[in-house]
All heavy atoms as atom14 arrays in JSON, in Angstrom:
{
  "sequence": "MVIGLAMNVAQVGFHFSTEKLSFNPGRLNPISGFG",
  "atom14_mask": [
    [1, 1, 1, 1, 1, 1, 1, 1, 0, 0, 0, 0, 0, 0],
    [1, 1, 1, 1, 1, 1, 1, 0, 0, 0, 0, 0, 0, 0],
    [1, 1, 1, 1, 1, 1, 1, 1, 0, 0, 0, 0, 0, 0],
    [1, 1, 1, 1, 0, 0, 0, 0, 0, 0, 0, 0, 0, 0],
    [1, 1, 1, 1, 1, 1, 1, 1, 0, 0, 0, 0, 0, 0],
    [1, 1, 1, 1, 1, 0, 0, 0, 0, 0, 0, 0, 0, 0],
    [1, 1, 1, 1, 1, 1, 1, 1, 0, 0, 0, 0, 0, 0],
    [1, 1, 1, 1, 1, 1, 1, 1, 0, 0, 0, 0, 0, 0],
    [1, 1, 1, 1, 1, 1, 1, 0, 0, 0, 0, 0, 0, 0],
    [1, 1, 1, 1, 1, 0, 0, 0, 0, 0, 0, 0, 0, 0],
    [1, 1, 1, 1, 1, 1, 1, 1, 1, 0, 0, 0, 0, 0],
    [1, 1, 1, 1, 1, 1, 1, 0, 0, 0, 0, 0, 0, 0],
    [1, 1, 1, 1, 0, 0, 0, 0, 0, 0, 0, 0, 0, 0],
    [1, 1, 1, 1, 1, 1, 1, 1, 1, 1, 1, 0, 0, 0],
    [1, 1, 1, 1, 1, 1, 1, 1, 1, 1, 0, 0, 0, 0],
    [1, 1, 1, 1, 1, 1, 1, 1, 1, 1, 1, 0, 0, 0],
    [1, 1, 1, 1, 1, 1, 0, 0, 0, 0, 0, 0, 0, 0],
    [1, 1, 1, 1, 1, 1, 1, 0, 0, 0, 0, 0, 0, 0],
    [1, 1, 1, 1, 1, 1, 1, 1, 1, 0, 0, 0, 0, 0],
    [1, 1, 1, 1, 1, 1, 1, 1, 1, 0, 0, 0, 0, 0],
    [1, 1, 1, 1, 1, 1, 1, 1, 0, 0, 0, 0, 0, 0],
    [1, 1, 1, 1, 1, 1, 0, 0, 0, 0, 0, 0, 0, 0],
    [1, 1, 1, 1, 1, 1, 1, 1, 1, 1, 1, 0, 0, 0],
    [1, 1, 1, 1, 1, 1, 1, 1, 0, 0, 0, 0, 0, 0],
    [1, 1, 1, 1, 1, 1, 1, 0, 0, 0, 0, 0, 0, 0],
    [1, 1, 1, 1, 0, 0, 0, 0, 0, 0, 0, 0, 0, 0],
    [1, 1, 1, 1, 1, 1, 1, 1, 1, 1, 1, 0, 0, 0],
    [1, 1, 1, 1, 1, 1, 1, 1, 0, 0, 0, 0, 0, 0],
    [1, 1, 1, 1, 1, 1, 1, 1, 0, 0, 0, 0, 0, 0],
    [1, 1, 1, 1, 1, 1, 1, 0, 0, 0, 0, 0, 0, 0],
    [1, 1, 1, 1, 1, 1, 1, 1, 0, 0, 0, 0, 0, 0],
    [1, 1, 1, 1, 1, 1, 0, 0, 0, 0, 0, 0, 0, 0],
    [1, 1, 1, 1, 0, 0, 0, 0, 0, 0, 0, 0, 0, 0],
    [1, 1, 1, 1, 1, 1, 1, 1, 1, 1, 1, 0, 0, 0],
    [1, 1, 1, 1, 0, 0, 0, 0, 0, 0, 0, 0, 0, 0]
  ],
  "atom14_positions": [
    [[0.8, -1.28, 0.01], [0.01, 0.03, -0.04], [0.85, 1.21, 0.04], [0.55, 2.22, -0.74], [-0.91, -0.02, 1.21], [-1.86, 1.24, 1.33], [-3.01, 1.11, 2.71], [-1.76, 1.3, 4.04], [0.0, 0.0, 0.0], [0.0, 0.0, 0.0], [0.0, 0.0, 0.0], [0.0, 0.0, 0.0], [0.0, 0.0, 0.0], [0.0, 0.0, 0.0]],
    [[1.91, 1.26, 0.78], [2.81, 2.38, 0.86], [3.42, 2.65, -0.48], [3.61, 3.83, -0.98], [3.77, 2.2, 1.93], [4.97, 3.35, 1.95], [3.22, 2.36, 3.34], [0.0, 0.0, 0.0], [0.0, 0.0, 0.0], [0.0, 0.0, 0.0], [0.0, 0.0, 0.0], [0.0, 0.0, 0.0], [0.0, 0.0, 0.0], [0.0, 0.0, 0.0]],
    [[3.93, 1.64, -1.09], [4.65, 1.71, -2.42], [3.67, 2.24, -3.43], [4.0, 3.07, -4.31], [5.24, 0.23, -2.89], [6.41, -0.01, -1.96], [5.71, 0.27, -4.28], [7.6, 0.92, -1.91], [0.0, 0.0, 0.0], [0.0, 0.0, 0.0], [0.0, 0.0, 0.0], [0.0, 0.0, 0.0], [0.0, 0.0, 0.0], [0.0, 0.0, 0.0]],
    [[2.36, 1.71, -3.44], [1.42, 2.13, -4.4], [1.15, 3.67, -4.28], [1.15, 4.34, -5.26], [0.0, 0.0, 0.0], [0.0, 0.0, 0.0], [0.0, 0.0, 0.0], [0.0, 0.0, 0.0], [0.0, 0.0, 0.0], [0.0, 0.0, 0.0], [0.0, 0.0, 0.0], [0.0, 0.0, 0.0], [0.0, 0.0, 0.0], [0.0, 0.0, 0.0]],
    [[0.91, 4.16, -3.01], [0.69, 5.69, -2.85], [1.92, 6.4, -3.17], [1.85, 7.44, -3.81], [0.41, 5.72, -1.39], [-1.0, 5.23, -0.88], [-1.15, 5.51, 0.64], [-2.11, 6.0, -1.6], [0.0, 0.0, 0.0], [0.0, 0.0, 0.0], [0.0, 0.0, 0.0], [0.0, 0.0, 0.0], [0.0, 0.0, 0.0], [0.0, 0.0, 0.0]],
    [[3.16, 5.87, -2.84], [4.33, 6.67, -3.2], [4.53, 6.8, -4.68], [4.96, 7.78, -5.18], [5.58, 5.91, -2.7], [0.0, 0.0, 0.0], [0.0, 0.0, 0.0], [0.0, 0.0, 0.0], [0.0, 0.0, 0.0], [0.0, 0.0, 0.0], [0.0, 0.0, 0.0], [0.0, 0.0, 0.0], [0.0, 0.0, 0.0], [0.0, 0.0, 0.0]],
    [[4.24, 5.67, -5.51], [4.26, 5.85, -6.96], [3.35, 6.83, -7.53], [3.68, 7.6, -8.53], [4.02, 4.46, -7.51], [5.28, 3.49, -7.21], [6.85, 4.13, -7.99], [7.63, 4.75, -6.43], [0.0, 0.0, 0.0], [0.0, 0.0, 0.0], [0.0, 0.0, 0.0], [0.0, 0.0, 0.0], [0.0, 0.0, 0.0], [0.0, 0.0, 0.0]],
    [[2.07, 6.86, -6.95], [1.1, 7.91, -7.52], [1.63, 9.29, -7.16], [1.47, 10.18, -8.02], [-0.22, 7.65, -6.83], [-1.04, 6.56, -7.59], [-1.32, 6.75, -8.8], [-1.36, 5.55, -6.88], [0.0, 0.0, 0.0], [0.0, 0.0, 0.0], [0.0, 0.0, 0.0], [0.0, 0.0, 0.0], [0.0, 0.0, 0.0], [0.0, 0.0, 0.0]],
    [[2.05, 9.52, -5.92], [2.49, 10.92, -5.52], [3.79, 11.35, -6.35], [3.94, 12.33, -6.77], [2.94, 10.82, -4.09], [3.61, 12.25, -3.71], [1.62, 10.79, -3.2], [0.0, 0.0, 0.0], [0.0, 0.0, 0.0], [0.0, 0.0, 0.0], [0.0, 0.0, 0.0], [0.0, 0.0, 0.0], [0.0, 0.0, 0.0], [0.0, 0.0, 0.0]],
    [[4.65, 10.3, -6.64], [5.93, 10.57, -7.42], [5.56, 10.95, -8.81], [6.24, 11.84, -9.5], [6.77, 9.27, -7.42], [0.0, 0.0, 0.0], [0.0, 0.0, 0.0], [0.0, 0.0, 0.0], [0.0, 0.0, 0.0], [0.0, 0.0, 0.0], [0.0, 0.0, 0.0], [0.0, 0.0, 0.0], [0.0, 0.0, 0.0], [0.0, 0.0, 0.0]],
    [[4.5, 10.45, -9.45], [4.12, 10.8, -10.81], [3.34, 12.2, -10.92], [3.71, 12.92, -11.74], [3.15, 9.61, -11.42], [3.93, 8.37, -11.62], [3.13, 7.38, -12.32], [2.79, 7.49, -13.53], [2.59, 6.39, -11.62], [0.0, 0.0, 0.0], [0.0, 0.0, 0.0], [0.0, 0.0, 0.0], [0.0, 0.0, 0.0], [0.0, 0.0, 0.0]],
    [[2.28, 12.42, -10.05], [1.55, 13.6, -10.28], [1.48, 14.41, -8.99], [0.72, 15.39, -8.92], [0.13, 13.13, -10.61], [0.13, 12.41, -11.99], [-0.52, 12.27, -9.54], [0.0, 0.0, 0.0], [0.0, 0.0, 0.0], [0.0, 0.0, 0.0], [0.0, 0.0, 0.0], [0.0, 0.0, 0.0], [0.0, 0.0, 0.0], [0.0, 0.0, 0.0]],
    [[2.14, 14.02, -7.89], [2.08, 14.94, -6.69], [0.89, 14.36, -5.89], [0.13, 13.55, -6.2], [0.0, 0.0, 0.0], [0.0, 0.0, 0.0], [0.0, 0.0, 0.0], [0.0, 0.0, 0.0], [0.0, 0.0, 0.0], [0.0, 0.0, 0.0], [0.0, 0.0, 0.0], [0.0, 0.0, 0.0], [0.0, 0.0, 0.0], [0.0, 0.0, 0.0]],
    [[0.65, 15.08, -4.8], [-0.42, 14.71, -3.86], [-1.67, 15.4, -4.24], [-1.83, 16.5, -3.78], [0.03, 14.89, -2.38], [-1.01, 14.26, -1.37], [-1.02, 12.95, -1.06], [-1.92, 15.15, -0.82], [-1.89, 12.39, -0.18], [-2.87, 14.62, 0.04], [-2.86, 13.21, 0.36], [0.0, 0.0, 0.0], [0.0, 0.0, 0.0], [0.0, 0.0, 0.0]],
    [[-2.57, 14.88, -5.05], [-3.74, 15.45, -5.41], [-4.99, 14.36, -5.35], [-4.74, 13.28, -5.76], [-3.7, 15.87, -6.92], [-2.63, 17.04, -7.07], [-2.83, 18.27, -6.73], [-1.36, 16.93, -7.68], [-1.9, 19.06, -6.95], [-0.97, 18.24, -7.55], [0.0, 0.0, 0.0], [0.0, 0.0, 0.0], [0.0, 0.0, 0.0], [0.0, 0.0, 0.0]],
    [[-5.97, 14.88, -4.71], [-7.17, 13.99, -4.68], [-8.44, 14.63, -5.43], [-8.72, 15.81, -5.23], [-7.52, 13.85, -3.13], [-8.78, 12.87, -3.03], [-8.54, 11.55, -3.13], [-9.97, 13.33, -2.7], [-9.67, 10.72, -2.98], [-11.01, 12.54, -2.5], [-10.92, 11.1, -2.65], [0.0, 0.0, 0.0], [0.0, 0.0, 0.0], [0.0, 0.0, 0.0]],
    [[-8.91, 13.83, -6.36], [-10.15, 14.4, -7.05], [-11.24, 13.41, -7.14], [-11.02, 12.13, -7.18], [-9.63, 14.65, -8.57], [-10.73, 15.07, -9.38], [0.0, 0.0, 0.0], [0.0, 0.0, 0.0], [0.0, 0.0, 0.0], [0.0, 0.0, 0.0], [0.0, 0.0, 0.0], [0.0, 0.0, 0.0], [0.0, 0.0, 0.0], [0.0, 0.0, 0.0]],
    [[-12.45, 13.9, -6.94], [-13.65, 12.95, -6.97], [-14.4, 13.03, -8.24], [-15.43, 12.47, -8.35], [-14.63, 13.47, -5.84], [-14.93, 14.84, -6.01], [-13.86, 13.37, -4.46], [0.0, 0.0, 0.0], [0.0, 0.0, 0.0], [0.0, 0.0, 0.0], [0.0, 0.0, 0.0], [0.0, 0.0, 0.0], [0.0, 0.0, 0.0], [0.0, 0.0, 0.0]],
    [[-13.75, 13.74, -9.22], [-14.29, 13.92, -10.53], [-14.69, 12.59, -11.23], [-15.74, 12.39, -11.88], [-13.57, 14.9, -11.46], [-14.09, 15.27, -12.84], [-15.14, 16.29, -12.72], [-15.17, 17.04, -11.7], [-15.99, 16.4, -13.61], [0.0, 0.0, 0.0], [0.0, 0.0, 0.0], [0.0, 0.0, 0.0], [0.0, 0.0, 0.0], [0.0, 0.0, 0.0]],
    [[-13.65, 11.67, -11.1], [-13.85, 10.39, -11.76], [-14.84, 9.53, -11.07], [-15.43, 8.65, -11.65], [-12.39, 9.6, -11.8], [-11.29, 10.34, -12.62], [-11.69, 10.3, -14.03], [-10.38, 10.87, -14.89], [-10.73, 10.76, -16.36], [0.0, 0.0, 0.0], [0.0, 0.0, 0.0], [0.0, 0.0, 0.0], [0.0, 0.0, 0.0], [0.0, 0.0, 0.0]],
    [[-15.11, 9.82, -9.75], [-16.03, 8.97, -9.06], [-17.46, 9.46, -9.18], [-18.46, 8.87, -8.89], [-15.67, 9.01, -7.62], [-14.28, 8.52, -7.27], [-14.03, 8.67, -5.74], [-14.03, 6.99, -7.66], [0.0, 0.0, 0.0], [0.0, 0.0, 0.0], [0.0, 0.0, 0.0], [0.0, 0.0, 0.0], [0.0, 0.0, 0.0], [0.0, 0.0, 0.0]],
    [[-17.67, 10.68, -9.75], [-19.06, 11.32, -9.77], [-19.79, 10.54, -10.95], [-19.16, 10.1, -11.96], [-18.91, 12.82, -10.06], [-18.22, 12.99, -11.18], [0.0, 0.0, 0.0], [0.0, 0.0, 0.0], [0.0, 0.0, 0.0], [0.0, 0.0, 0.0], [0.0, 0.0, 0.0], [0.0, 0.0, 0.0], [0.0, 0.0, 0.0], [0.0, 0.0, 0.0]],
    [[-21.08, 10.61, -10.8], [-21.95, 9.95, -11.83], [-22.01, 10.84, -13.03], [-22.38, 12.01, -12.98], [-23.41, 9.62, -11.22], [-24.25, 9.22, -12.28], [-24.21, 7.82, -12.69], [-25.23, 9.92, -12.6], [-25.1, 7.37, -13.6], [-26.24, 9.43, -13.65], [-26.09, 8.09, -14.05], [0.0, 0.0, 0.0], [0.0, 0.0, 0.0], [0.0, 0.0, 0.0]],
    [[-21.73, 10.31, -14.26], [-21.92, 11.02, -15.47], [-22.76, 10.32, -16.44], [-22.46, 9.14, -16.85], [-20.47, 11.23, -16.11], [-20.59, 12.03, -17.38], [-21.47, 12.6, -17.73], [-19.41, 12.14, -18.04], [0.0, 0.0, 0.0], [0.0, 0.0, 0.0], [0.0, 0.0, 0.0], [0.0, 0.0, 0.0], [0.0, 0.0, 0.0], [0.0, 0.0, 0.0]],
    [[-24.02, 10.8, -16.61], [-24.94, 10.06, -17.49], [-24.37, 9.82, -18.93], [-24.8, 8.87, -19.59], [-26.23, 10.96, -17.63], [-26.0, 11.85, -16.38], [-24.55, 12.08, -16.12], [0.0, 0.0, 0.0], [0.0, 0.0, 0.0], [0.0, 0.0, 0.0], [0.0, 0.0, 0.0], [0.0, 0.0, 0.0], [0.0, 0.0, 0.0], [0.0, 0.0, 0.0]],
    [[-23.47, 10.68, -19.35], [-22.84, 10.47, -20.76], [-22.11, 9.15, -20.79], [-21.88, 8.66, -21.95], [0.0, 0.0, 0.0], [0.0, 0.0, 0.0], [0.0, 0.0, 0.0], [0.0, 0.0, 0.0], [0.0, 0.0, 0.0], [0.0, 0.0, 0.0], [0.0, 0.0, 0.0], [0.0, 0.0, 0.0], [0.0, 0.0, 0.0], [0.0, 0.0, 0.0]],
    [[-21.65, 8.6, -19.72], [-20.98, 7.34, -19.83], [-21.8, 6.22, -20.11], [-21.32, 5.08, -20.43], [-20.2, 7.09, -18.5], [-19.17, 8.15, -18.08], [-18.57, 7.96, -16.85], [-17.53, 8.94, -16.42], [-17.05, 9.17, -15.2], [-17.41, 8.32, -14.21], [-16.19, 10.03, -14.98], [0.0, 0.0, 0.0], [0.0, 0.0, 0.0], [0.0, 0.0, 0.0]],
    [[-23.21, 6.38, -19.93], [-24.07, 5.29, -20.15], [-24.52, 5.33, -21.67], [-25.19, 4.39, -22.1], [-25.38, 5.52, -19.41], [-25.06, 5.56, -17.81], [-26.45, 5.71, -17.06], [-24.34, 4.11, -17.31], [0.0, 0.0, 0.0], [0.0, 0.0, 0.0], [0.0, 0.0, 0.0], [0.0, 0.0, 0.0], [0.0, 0.0, 0.0], [0.0, 0.0, 0.0]],
    [[-24.09, 6.36, -22.46], [-24.37, 6.35, -23.82], [-23.66, 5.21, -24.59], [-22.41, 5.18, -24.64], [-23.91, 7.82, -24.41], [-24.43, 8.0, -25.8], [-24.87, 7.09, -26.43], [-24.41, 9.18, -26.22], [0.0, 0.0, 0.0], [0.0, 0.0, 0.0], [0.0, 0.0, 0.0], [0.0, 0.0, 0.0], [0.0, 0.0, 0.0], [0.0, 0.0, 0.0]],
    [[-24.44, 4.32, -25.34], [-23.81, 3.18, -25.87], [-22.91, 3.63, -27.08], [-21.91, 3.01, -27.43], [-24.93, 2.31, -26.32], [-26.1, 3.22, -26.39], [-25.87, 4.23, -25.31], [0.0, 0.0, 0.0], [0.0, 0.0, 0.0], [0.0, 0.0, 0.0], [0.0, 0.0, 0.0], [0.0, 0.0, 0.0], [0.0, 0.0, 0.0], [0.0, 0.0, 0.0]],
    [[-23.33, 4.76, -27.78], [-22.62, 5.23, -28.96], [-21.17, 5.72, -28.46], [-20.06, 5.34, -29.06], [-23.32, 6.38, -29.63], [-24.61, 5.73, -30.17], [-22.51, 6.9, -30.85], [-25.51, 6.8, -30.8], [0.0, 0.0, 0.0], [0.0, 0.0, 0.0], [0.0, 0.0, 0.0], [0.0, 0.0, 0.0], [0.0, 0.0, 0.0], [0.0, 0.0, 0.0]],
    [[-21.11, 6.56, -27.45], [-19.82, 7.06, -26.98], [-19.04, 5.91, -26.42], [-17.77, 5.9, -26.46], [-20.1, 8.13, -25.91], [-20.88, 7.66, -24.82], [0.0, 0.0, 0.0], [0.0, 0.0, 0.0], [0.0, 0.0, 0.0], [0.0, 0.0, 0.0], [0.0, 0.0, 0.0], [0.0, 0.0, 0.0], [0.0, 0.0, 0.0], [0.0, 0.0, 0.0]],
    [[-19.72, 4.95, -25.74], [-18.93, 3.83, -25.17], [-18.39, 2.9, -26.19], [-17.24, 2.56, -26.2], [0.0, 0.0, 0.0], [0.0, 0.0, 0.0], [0.0, 0.0, 0.0], [0.0, 0.0, 0.0], [0.0, 0.0, 0.0], [0.0, 0.0, 0.0], [0.0, 0.0, 0.0], [0.0, 0.0, 0.0], [0.0, 0.0, 0.0], [0.0, 0.0, 0.0]],
    [[-19.05, 2.72, -27.38], [-18.55, 2.06, -28.39], [-17.26, 2.74, -29.01], [-16.33, 2.12, -29.52], [-19.63, 1.98, -29.49], [-19.17, 0.94, -30.66], [-19.31, -0.4, -30.55], [-18.81, 1.52, -31.94], [-18.94, -1.19, -31.56], [-18.46, 0.74, -32.97], [-18.47, -0.58, -32.8], [0.0, 0.0, 0.0], [0.0, 0.0, 0.0], [0.0, 0.0, 0.0]],
    [[-17.41, 4.15, -29.05], [-16.16, 4.97, -29.61], [-15.02, 4.77, -28.61], [-13.93, 4.73, -29.19], [0.0, 0.0, 0.0], [0.0, 0.0, 0.0], [0.0, 0.0, 0.0], [0.0, 0.0, 0.0], [0.0, 0.0, 0.0], [0.0, 0.0, 0.0], [0.0, 0.0, 0.0], [0.0, 0.0, 0.0], [0.0, 0.0, 0.0], [0.0, 0.0, 0.0]]
  ]
}
């Protein structure tokens, strides 16, 4: 766990974002998903 966190911090610094976890109805679009 420590190594995994250290590698993430080494690449992009210590940043936490909930944007990827938020619900996006556009992701349910089969056409965009196929793309």
